[in-house]
Amino acid sequence: GVPRDYGRAVMDNTLALVTTRVTV
């Protein structure tokens, strides 16, 4: 995501609510 901090915020505050987050 651009900027990087925004991408992290989306992961932490939006996607965390509806998805499972995993690494490769």
mmCIF file of all heavy atoms, coordinates in Angstrom:
data_MODEL
# 
_entry.id   MODEL 
# 
loop_
_atom_site.group_PDB 
_atom_site.id 
_atom_site.type_symbol 
_atom_site.label_atom_id 
_atom_site.label_alt_id 
_atom_site.label_comp_id 
_atom_site.label_asym_id 
_atom_site.label_entity_id 
_atom_site.label_seq_id 
_atom_site.pdbx_PDB_ins_code 
_atom_site.Cartn_x 
_atom_site.Cartn_y 
_atom_site.Cartn_z 
_atom_site.occupancy 
_atom_site.B_iso_or_equiv 
_atom_site.pdbx_formal_charge 
_atom_site.auth_seq_id 
_atom_site.auth_comp_id 
_atom_site.auth_asym_id 
_atom_site.auth_atom_id 
_atom_site.pdbx_PDB_model_num 
ATOM 1   N N   . GLY A 1 1  ? 0.840   -1.184  0.000  1.00 0.00 ? 1  GLY A N   1 
ATOM 2   C CA  . GLY A 1 1  ? 0.000   0.000   0.000  1.00 0.00 ? 1  GLY A CA  1 
ATOM 3   C C   . GLY A 1 1  ? 0.877   1.236   0.000  1.00 0.00 ? 1  GLY A C   1 
ATOM 4   O O   . GLY A 1 1  ? 2.037   1.186   0.403  1.00 0.00 ? 1  GLY A O   1 
ATOM 5   N N   . VAL A 1 2  ? 0.330   2.345   -0.470 1.00 0.00 ? 2  VAL A N   1 
ATOM 6   C CA  . VAL A 1 2  ? 1.097   3.588   -0.566 1.00 0.00 ? 2  VAL A CA  1 
ATOM 7   C C   . VAL A 1 2  ? 0.311   4.690   0.127  1.00 0.00 ? 2  VAL A C   1 
ATOM 8   O O   . VAL A 1 2  ? -0.876  4.881   -0.171 1.00 0.00 ? 2  VAL A O   1 
ATOM 9   C CB  . VAL A 1 2  ? 1.335   3.965   -2.037 1.00 0.00 ? 2  VAL A CB  1 
ATOM 10  C CG1 . VAL A 1 2  ? 2.056   5.282   -2.155 1.00 0.00 ? 2  VAL A CG1 1 
ATOM 11  C CG2 . VAL A 1 2  ? 2.118   2.858   -2.744 1.00 0.00 ? 2  VAL A CG2 1 
ATOM 12  N N   . PRO A 1 3  ? 0.945   5.413   1.039  1.00 0.00 ? 3  PRO A N   1 
ATOM 13  C CA  . PRO A 1 3  ? 2.263   5.175   1.613  1.00 0.00 ? 3  PRO A CA  1 
ATOM 14  C C   . PRO A 1 3  ? 2.253   3.937   2.515  1.00 0.00 ? 3  PRO A C   1 
ATOM 15  O O   . PRO A 1 3  ? 1.189   3.456   2.896  1.00 0.00 ? 3  PRO A O   1 
ATOM 16  C CB  . PRO A 1 3  ? 2.552   6.437   2.417  1.00 0.00 ? 3  PRO A CB  1 
ATOM 17  C CG  . PRO A 1 3  ? 1.228   7.023   2.732  1.00 0.00 ? 3  PRO A CG  1 
ATOM 18  C CD  . PRO A 1 3  ? 0.306   6.600   1.620  1.00 0.00 ? 3  PRO A CD  1 
ATOM 19  N N   . ARG A 1 4  ? 3.410   3.465   2.836  1.00 0.00 ? 4  ARG A N   1 
ATOM 20  C CA  . ARG A 1 4  ? 3.562   2.221   3.591  1.00 0.00 ? 4  ARG A CA  1 
ATOM 21  C C   . ARG A 1 4  ? 2.786   2.245   4.908  1.00 0.00 ? 4  ARG A C   1 
ATOM 22  O O   . ARG A 1 4  ? 2.147   1.266   5.282  1.00 0.00 ? 4  ARG A O   1 
ATOM 23  C CB  . ARG A 1 4  ? 5.036   1.940   3.854  1.00 0.00 ? 4  ARG A CB  1 
ATOM 24  C CG  . ARG A 1 4  ? 5.280   0.592   4.492  1.00 0.00 ? 4  ARG A CG  1 
ATOM 25  C CD  . ARG A 1 4  ? 6.732   0.325   4.658  1.00 0.00 ? 4  ARG A CD  1 
ATOM 26  N NE  . ARG A 1 4  ? 7.345   0.321   3.330  1.00 0.00 ? 4  ARG A NE  1 
ATOM 27  C CZ  . ARG A 1 4  ? 8.564   -0.100  3.081  1.00 0.00 ? 4  ARG A CZ  1 
ATOM 28  N NH1 . ARG A 1 4  ? 9.322   -0.534  4.050  1.00 0.00 ? 4  ARG A NH1 1 
ATOM 29  N NH2 . ARG A 1 4  ? 9.037   -0.066  1.860  1.00 0.00 ? 4  ARG A NH2 1 
ATOM 30  N N   . ASP A 1 5  ? 2.828   3.370   5.615  1.00 0.00 ? 5  ASP A N   1 
ATOM 31  C CA  . ASP A 1 5  ? 2.102   3.472   6.887  1.00 0.00 ? 5  ASP A CA  1 
ATOM 32  C C   . ASP A 1 5  ? 0.602   3.323   6.698  1.00 0.00 ? 5  ASP A C   1 
ATOM 33  O O   . ASP A 1 5  ? -0.087  2.757   7.535  1.00 0.00 ? 5  ASP A O   1 
ATOM 34  C CB  . ASP A 1 5  ? 2.407   4.802   7.580  1.00 0.00 ? 5  ASP A CB  1 
ATOM 35  C CG  . ASP A 1 5  ? 3.823   4.876   8.111  1.00 0.00 ? 5  ASP A CG  1 
ATOM 36  O OD1 . ASP A 1 5  ? 4.449   3.807   8.302  1.00 0.00 ? 5  ASP A OD1 1 
ATOM 37  O OD2 . ASP A 1 5  ? 4.303   5.995   8.347  1.00 0.00 ? 5  ASP A OD2 1 
ATOM 38  N N   . TYR A 1 6  ? 0.078   3.832   5.601  1.00 0.00 ? 6  TYR A N   1 
ATOM 39  C CA  . TYR A 1 6  ? -1.345  3.681   5.310  1.00 0.00 ? 6  TYR A CA  1 
ATOM 40  C C   . TYR A 1 6  ? -1.680  2.208   5.069  1.00 0.00 ? 6  TYR A C   1 
ATOM 41  O O   . TYR A 1 6  ? -2.688  1.699   5.555  1.00 0.00 ? 6  TYR A O   1 
ATOM 42  C CB  . TYR A 1 6  ? -1.756  4.522   4.102  1.00 0.00 ? 6  TYR A CB  1 
ATOM 43  C CG  . TYR A 1 6  ? -3.218  4.354   3.769  1.00 0.00 ? 6  TYR A CG  1 
ATOM 44  C CD1 . TYR A 1 6  ? -4.189  4.957   4.554  1.00 0.00 ? 6  TYR A CD1 1 
ATOM 45  C CD2 . TYR A 1 6  ? -3.615  3.565   2.702  1.00 0.00 ? 6  TYR A CD2 1 
ATOM 46  C CE1 . TYR A 1 6  ? -5.534  4.782   4.270  1.00 0.00 ? 6  TYR A CE1 1 
ATOM 47  C CE2 . TYR A 1 6  ? -4.965  3.390   2.415  1.00 0.00 ? 6  TYR A CE2 1 
ATOM 48  C CZ  . TYR A 1 6  ? -5.910  4.004   3.200  1.00 0.00 ? 6  TYR A CZ  1 
ATOM 49  O OH  . TYR A 1 6  ? -7.242  3.823   2.921  1.00 0.00 ? 6  TYR A OH  1 
ATOM 50  N N   . GLY A 1 7  ? -0.814  1.512   4.322  1.00 0.00 ? 7  GLY A N   1 
ATOM 51  C CA  . GLY A 1 7  ? -1.009  0.089   4.088  1.00 0.00 ? 7  GLY A CA  1 
ATOM 52  C C   . GLY A 1 7  ? -1.065  -0.695  5.388  1.00 0.00 ? 7  GLY A C   1 
ATOM 53  O O   . GLY A 1 7  ? -1.915  -1.562  5.566  1.00 0.00 ? 7  GLY A O   1 
ATOM 54  N N   . ARG A 1 8  ? -0.162  -0.370  6.303  1.00 0.00 ? 8  ARG A N   1 
ATOM 55  C CA  . ARG A 1 8  ? -0.171  -1.040  7.611  1.00 0.00 ? 8  ARG A CA  1 
ATOM 56  C C   . ARG A 1 8  ? -1.461  -0.730  8.366  1.00 0.00 ? 8  ARG A C   1 
ATOM 57  O O   . ARG A 1 8  ? -2.028  -1.601  9.029  1.00 0.00 ? 8  ARG A O   1 
ATOM 58  C CB  . ARG A 1 8  ? 1.034   -0.600  8.433  1.00 0.00 ? 8  ARG A CB  1 
ATOM 59  C CG  . ARG A 1 8  ? 2.313   -1.222  7.976  1.00 0.00 ? 8  ARG A CG  1 
ATOM 60  C CD  . ARG A 1 8  ? 3.442   -0.956  8.971  1.00 0.00 ? 8  ARG A CD  1 
ATOM 61  N NE  . ARG A 1 8  ? 4.714   -1.133  8.304  1.00 0.00 ? 8  ARG A NE  1 
ATOM 62  C CZ  . ARG A 1 8  ? 5.605   -0.185  8.110  1.00 0.00 ? 8  ARG A CZ  1 
ATOM 63  N NH1 . ARG A 1 8  ? 5.406   1.033   8.568  1.00 0.00 ? 8  ARG A NH1 1 
ATOM 64  N NH2 . ARG A 1 8  ? 6.733   -0.441  7.477  1.00 0.00 ? 8  ARG A NH2 1 
ATOM 65  N N   . ALA A 1 9  ? -1.914  0.523   8.286  1.00 0.00 ? 9  ALA A N   1 
ATOM 66  C CA  . ALA A 1 9  ? -3.142  0.905   8.975  1.00 0.00 ? 9  ALA A CA  1 
ATOM 67  C C   . ALA A 1 9  ? -4.348  0.151   8.425  1.00 0.00 ? 9  ALA A C   1 
ATOM 68  O O   . ALA A 1 9  ? -5.217  -0.288  9.182  1.00 0.00 ? 9  ALA A O   1 
ATOM 69  C CB  . ALA A 1 9  ? -3.357  2.416   8.872  1.00 0.00 ? 9  ALA A CB  1 
ATOM 70  N N   . VAL A 1 10 ? -4.405  -0.029  7.109  1.00 0.00 ? 10 VAL A N   1 
ATOM 71  C CA  . VAL A 1 10 ? -5.497  -0.790  6.499  1.00 0.00 ? 10 VAL A CA  1 
ATOM 72  C C   . VAL A 1 10 ? -5.451  -2.237  6.994  1.00 0.00 ? 10 VAL A C   1 
ATOM 73  O O   . VAL A 1 10 ? -6.490  -2.818  7.343  1.00 0.00 ? 10 VAL A O   1 
ATOM 74  C CB  . VAL A 1 10 ? -5.430  -0.728  4.958  1.00 0.00 ? 10 VAL A CB  1 
ATOM 75  C CG1 . VAL A 1 10 ? -6.397  -1.717  4.322  1.00 0.00 ? 10 VAL A CG1 1 
ATOM 76  C CG2 . VAL A 1 10 ? -5.706  0.680   4.473  1.00 0.00 ? 10 VAL A CG2 1 
ATOM 77  N N   . MET A 1 11 ? -4.265  -2.818  7.045  1.00 0.00 ? 11 MET A N   1 
ATOM 78  C CA  . MET A 1 11 ? -4.129  -4.191  7.539  1.00 0.00 ? 11 MET A CA  1 
ATOM 79  C C   . MET A 1 11 ? -4.606  -4.301  8.978  1.00 0.00 ? 11 MET A C   1 
ATOM 80  O O   . MET A 1 11 ? -5.351  -5.222  9.318  1.00 0.00 ? 11 MET A O   1 
ATOM 81  C CB  . MET A 1 11 ? -2.667  -4.654  7.451  1.00 0.00 ? 11 MET A CB  1 
ATOM 82  C CG  . MET A 1 11 ? -2.170  -4.881  6.050  1.00 0.00 ? 11 MET A CG  1 
ATOM 83  S SD  . MET A 1 11 ? -2.940  -6.291  5.237  1.00 0.00 ? 11 MET A SD  1 
ATOM 84  C CE  . MET A 1 11 ? -2.312  -7.608  6.218  1.00 0.00 ? 11 MET A CE  1 
ATOM 85  N N   . ASP A 1 12 ? -4.192  -3.367  9.814  1.00 0.00 ? 12 ASP A N   1 
ATOM 86  C CA  . ASP A 1 12 ? -4.495  -3.442  11.245 1.00 0.00 ? 12 ASP A CA  1 
ATOM 87  C C   . ASP A 1 12 ? -5.924  -3.047  11.593 1.00 0.00 ? 12 ASP A C   1 
ATOM 88  O O   . ASP A 1 12 ? -6.496  -3.587  12.538 1.00 0.00 ? 12 ASP A O   1 
ATOM 89  C CB  . ASP A 1 12 ? -3.531  -2.560  12.039 1.00 0.00 ? 12 ASP A CB  1 
ATOM 90  C CG  . ASP A 1 12 ? -2.096  -3.059  11.986 1.00 0.00 ? 12 ASP A CG  1 
ATOM 91  O OD1 . ASP A 1 12 ? -1.885  -4.246  11.660 1.00 0.00 ? 12 ASP A OD1 1 
ATOM 92  O OD2 . ASP A 1 12 ? -1.194  -2.253  12.262 1.00 0.00 ? 12 ASP A OD2 1 
ATOM 93  N N   . ASN A 1 13 ? -6.492  -2.104  10.866 1.00 0.00 ? 13 ASN A N   1 
ATOM 94  C CA  . ASN A 1 13 ? -7.766  -1.521  11.271 1.00 0.00 ? 13 ASN A CA  1 
ATOM 95  C C   . ASN A 1 13 ? -8.956  -1.907  10.401 1.00 0.00 ? 13 ASN A C   1 
ATOM 96  O O   . ASN A 1 13 ? -10.090 -1.689  10.807 1.00 0.00 ? 13 ASN A O   1 
ATOM 97  C CB  . ASN A 1 13 ? -7.653  0.006   11.309 1.00 0.00 ? 13 ASN A CB  1 
ATOM 98  C CG  . ASN A 1 13 ? -6.608  0.445   12.299 1.00 0.00 ? 13 ASN A CG  1 
ATOM 99  O OD1 . ASN A 1 13 ? -6.711  0.143   13.476 1.00 0.00 ? 13 ASN A OD1 1 
ATOM 100 N ND2 . ASN A 1 13 ? -5.589  1.132   11.829 1.00 0.00 ? 13 ASN A ND2 1 
ATOM 101 N N   . THR A 1 14 ? -8.718  -2.450  9.229  1.00 0.00 ? 14 THR A N   1 
ATOM 102 C CA  . THR A 1 14 ? -9.824  -2.844  8.348  1.00 0.00 ? 14 THR A CA  1 
ATOM 103 C C   . THR A 1 14 ? -9.777  -4.334  8.058  1.00 0.00 ? 14 THR A C   1 
ATOM 104 O O   . THR A 1 14 ? -10.700 -5.071  8.390  1.00 0.00 ? 14 THR A O   1 
ATOM 105 C CB  . THR A 1 14 ? -9.779  -2.046  7.030  1.00 0.00 ? 14 THR A CB  1 
ATOM 106 O OG1 . THR A 1 14 ? -9.839  -0.654  7.345  1.00 0.00 ? 14 THR A OG1 1 
ATOM 107 C CG2 . THR A 1 14 ? -10.937 -2.425  6.122  1.00 0.00 ? 14 THR A CG2 1 
ATOM 108 N N   . LEU A 1 15 ? -8.691  -4.782  7.471  1.00 0.00 ? 15 LEU A N   1 
ATOM 109 C CA  . LEU A 1 15 ? -8.613  -6.183  7.056  1.00 0.00 ? 15 LEU A CA  1 
ATOM 110 C C   . LEU A 1 15 ? -8.581  -7.149  8.230  1.00 0.00 ? 15 LEU A C   1 
ATOM 111 O O   . LEU A 1 15 ? -9.061  -8.274  8.121  1.00 0.00 ? 15 LEU A O   1 
ATOM 112 C CB  . LEU A 1 15 ? -7.415  -6.394  6.136  1.00 0.00 ? 15 LEU A CB  1 
ATOM 113 C CG  . LEU A 1 15 ? -7.548  -5.681  4.786  1.00 0.00 ? 15 LEU A CG  1 
ATOM 114 C CD1 . LEU A 1 15 ? -6.277  -5.824  3.979  1.00 0.00 ? 15 LEU A CD1 1 
ATOM 115 C CD2 . LEU A 1 15 ? -8.747  -6.194  4.012  1.00 0.00 ? 15 LEU A CD2 1 
ATOM 116 N N   . ALA A 1 16 ? -8.050  -6.711  9.360  1.00 0.00 ? 16 ALA A N   1 
ATOM 117 C CA  . ALA A 1 16 ? -8.013  -7.575  10.542 1.00 0.00 ? 16 ALA A CA  1 
ATOM 118 C C   . ALA A 1 16 ? -9.419  -7.969  10.994 1.00 0.00 ? 16 ALA A C   1 
ATOM 119 O O   . ALA A 1 16 ? -9.607  -9.009  11.631 1.00 0.00 ? 16 ALA A O   1 
ATOM 120 C CB  . ALA A 1 16 ? -7.268  -6.884  11.677 1.00 0.00 ? 16 ALA A CB  1 
ATOM 121 N N   . LEU A 1 17 ? -10.412 -7.154  10.652 1.00 0.00 ? 17 LEU A N   1 
ATOM 122 C CA  . LEU A 1 17 ? -11.785 -7.417  11.074 1.00 0.00 ? 17 LEU A CA  1 
ATOM 123 C C   . LEU A 1 17 ? -12.491 -8.455  10.207 1.00 0.00 ? 17 LEU A C   1 
ATOM 124 O O   . LEU A 1 17 ? -13.459 -9.073  10.657 1.00 0.00 ? 17 LEU A O   1 
ATOM 125 C CB  . LEU A 1 17 ? -12.590 -6.115  11.066 1.00 0.00 ? 17 LEU A CB  1 
ATOM 126 C CG  . LEU A 1 17 ? -12.057 -5.000  11.955 1.00 0.00 ? 17 LEU A CG  1 
ATOM 127 C CD1 . LEU A 1 17 ? -12.854 -3.726  11.726 1.00 0.00 ? 17 LEU A CD1 1 
ATOM 128 C CD2 . LEU A 1 17 ? -12.079 -5.408  13.417 1.00 0.00 ? 17 LEU A CD2 1 
ATOM 129 N N   . VAL A 1 18 ? -12.044 -8.632  8.962  1.00 0.00 ? 18 VAL A N   1 
ATOM 130 C CA  . VAL A 1 18 ? -12.775 -9.514  8.040  1.00 0.00 ? 18 VAL A CA  1 
ATOM 131 C C   . VAL A 1 18 ? -11.927 -10.627 7.434  1.00 0.00 ? 18 VAL A C   1 
ATOM 132 O O   . VAL A 1 18 ? -12.466 -11.462 6.704  1.00 0.00 ? 18 VAL A O   1 
ATOM 133 C CB  . VAL A 1 18 ? -13.448 -8.710  6.897  1.00 0.00 ? 18 VAL A CB  1 
ATOM 134 C CG1 . VAL A 1 18 ? -14.520 -7.786  7.441  1.00 0.00 ? 18 VAL A CG1 1 
ATOM 135 C CG2 . VAL A 1 18 ? -12.433 -7.935  6.087  1.00 0.00 ? 18 VAL A CG2 1 
ATOM 136 N N   . THR A 1 19 ? -10.627 -10.641 7.701  1.00 0.00 ? 19 THR A N   1 
ATOM 137 C CA  . THR A 1 19 ? -9.760  -11.648 7.092  1.00 0.00 ? 19 THR A CA  1 
ATOM 138 C C   . THR A 1 19 ? -8.863  -12.306 8.136  1.00 0.00 ? 19 THR A C   1 
ATOM 139 O O   . THR A 1 19 ? -8.747  -11.840 9.261  1.00 0.00 ? 19 THR A O   1 
ATOM 140 C CB  . THR A 1 19 ? -8.835  -11.032 6.026  1.00 0.00 ? 19 THR A CB  1 
ATOM 141 O OG1 . THR A 1 19 ? -7.883  -10.166 6.664  1.00 0.00 ? 19 THR A OG1 1 
ATOM 142 C CG2 . THR A 1 19 ? -9.616  -10.247 4.982  1.00 0.00 ? 19 THR A CG2 1 
ATOM 143 N N   . THR A 1 20 ? -8.221  -13.366 7.701  1.00 0.00 ? 20 THR A N   1 
ATOM 144 C CA  . THR A 1 20 ? -7.123  -13.954 8.451  1.00 0.00 ? 20 THR A CA  1 
ATOM 145 C C   . THR A 1 20 ? -5.848  -13.444 7.813  1.00 0.00 ? 20 THR A C   1 
ATOM 146 O O   . THR A 1 20 ? -5.720  -13.445 6.587  1.00 0.00 ? 20 THR A O   1 
ATOM 147 C CB  . THR A 1 20 ? -7.167  -15.492 8.368  1.00 0.00 ? 20 THR A CB  1 
ATOM 148 O OG1 . THR A 1 20 ? -8.407  -15.937 8.906  1.00 0.00 ? 20 THR A OG1 1 
ATOM 149 C CG2 . THR A 1 20 ? -6.013  -16.123 9.109  1.00 0.00 ? 20 THR A CG2 1 
ATOM 150 N N   . ARG A 1 21 ? -4.920  -12.971 8.615  1.00 0.00 ? 21 ARG A N   1 
ATOM 151 C CA  . ARG A 1 21 ? -3.659  -12.465 8.080  1.00 0.00 ? 21 ARG A CA  1 
ATOM 152 C C   . ARG A 1 21 ? -2.575  -13.515 8.300  1.00 0.00 ? 21 ARG A C   1 
ATOM 153 O O   . ARG A 1 21 ? -2.415  -14.017 9.409  1.00 0.00 ? 21 ARG A O   1 
ATOM 154 C CB  . ARG A 1 21 ? -3.293  -11.145 8.754  1.00 0.00 ? 21 ARG A CB  1 
ATOM 155 C CG  . ARG A 1 21 ? -4.321  -10.057 8.424  1.00 0.00 ? 21 ARG A CG  1 
ATOM 156 C CD  . ARG A 1 21 ? -4.076  -8.770  9.151  1.00 0.00 ? 21 ARG A CD  1 
ATOM 157 N NE  . ARG A 1 21 ? -4.241  -8.986  10.585 1.00 0.00 ? 21 ARG A NE  1 
ATOM 158 C CZ  . ARG A 1 21 ? -3.834  -8.138  11.510 1.00 0.00 ? 21 ARG A CZ  1 
ATOM 159 N NH1 . ARG A 1 21 ? -3.235  -7.026  11.185 1.00 0.00 ? 21 ARG A NH1 1 
ATOM 160 N NH2 . ARG A 1 21 ? -4.032  -8.400  12.787 1.00 0.00 ? 21 ARG A NH2 1 
ATOM 161 N N   . VAL A 1 22 ? -1.875  -13.869 7.239  1.00 0.00 ? 22 VAL A N   1 
ATOM 162 C CA  . VAL A 1 22 ? -0.827  -14.886 7.284  1.00 0.00 ? 22 VAL A CA  1 
ATOM 163 C C   . VAL A 1 22 ? 0.382   -14.406 6.490  1.00 0.00 ? 22 VAL A C   1 
ATOM 164 O O   . VAL A 1 22 ? 0.272   -13.525 5.647  1.00 0.00 ? 22 VAL A O   1 
ATOM 165 C CB  . VAL A 1 22 ? -1.304  -16.237 6.701  1.00 0.00 ? 22 VAL A CB  1 
ATOM 166 C CG1 . VAL A 1 22 ? -2.453  -16.805 7.496  1.00 0.00 ? 22 VAL A CG1 1 
ATOM 167 C CG2 . VAL A 1 22 ? -1.688  -16.112 5.247  1.00 0.00 ? 22 VAL A CG2 1 
ATOM 168 N N   . THR A 1 23 ? 1.519   -15.022 6.772  1.00 0.00 ? 23 THR A N   1 
ATOM 169 C CA  . THR A 1 23 ? 2.718   -14.770 5.972  1.00 0.00 ? 23 THR A CA  1 
ATOM 170 C C   . THR A 1 23 ? 2.817   -15.838 4.889  1.00 0.00 ? 23 THR A C   1 
ATOM 171 O O   . THR A 1 23 ? 2.119   -16.862 4.942  1.00 0.00 ? 23 THR A O   1 
ATOM 172 C CB  . THR A 1 23 ? 3.995   -14.807 6.830  1.00 0.00 ? 23 THR A CB  1 
ATOM 173 O OG1 . THR A 1 23 ? 4.153   -16.138 7.341  1.00 0.00 ? 23 THR A OG1 1 
ATOM 174 C CG2 . THR A 1 23 ? 3.933   -13.805 7.984  1.00 0.00 ? 23 THR A CG2 1 
ATOM 175 N N   . VAL A 1 24 ? 3.699   -15.615 3.944  1.00 0.00 ? 24 VAL A N   1 
ATOM 176 C CA  . VAL A 1 24 ? 3.935   -16.618 2.900  1.00 0.00 ? 24 VAL A CA  1 
ATOM 177 C C   . VAL A 1 24 ? 4.357   -17.937 3.528  1.00 0.00 ? 24 VAL A C   1 
ATOM 178 O O   . VAL A 1 24 ? 3.841   -19.003 3.168  1.00 0.00 ? 24 VAL A O   1 
ATOM 179 C CB  . VAL A 1 24 ? 5.003   -16.125 1.897  1.00 0.00 ? 24 VAL A CB  1 
ATOM 180 C CG1 . VAL A 1 24 ? 5.442   -17.248 0.980  1.00 0.00 ? 24 VAL A CG1 1 
ATOM 181 C CG2 . VAL A 1 24 ? 4.493   -14.948 1.089  1.00 0.00 ? 24 VAL A CG2 1 
# 
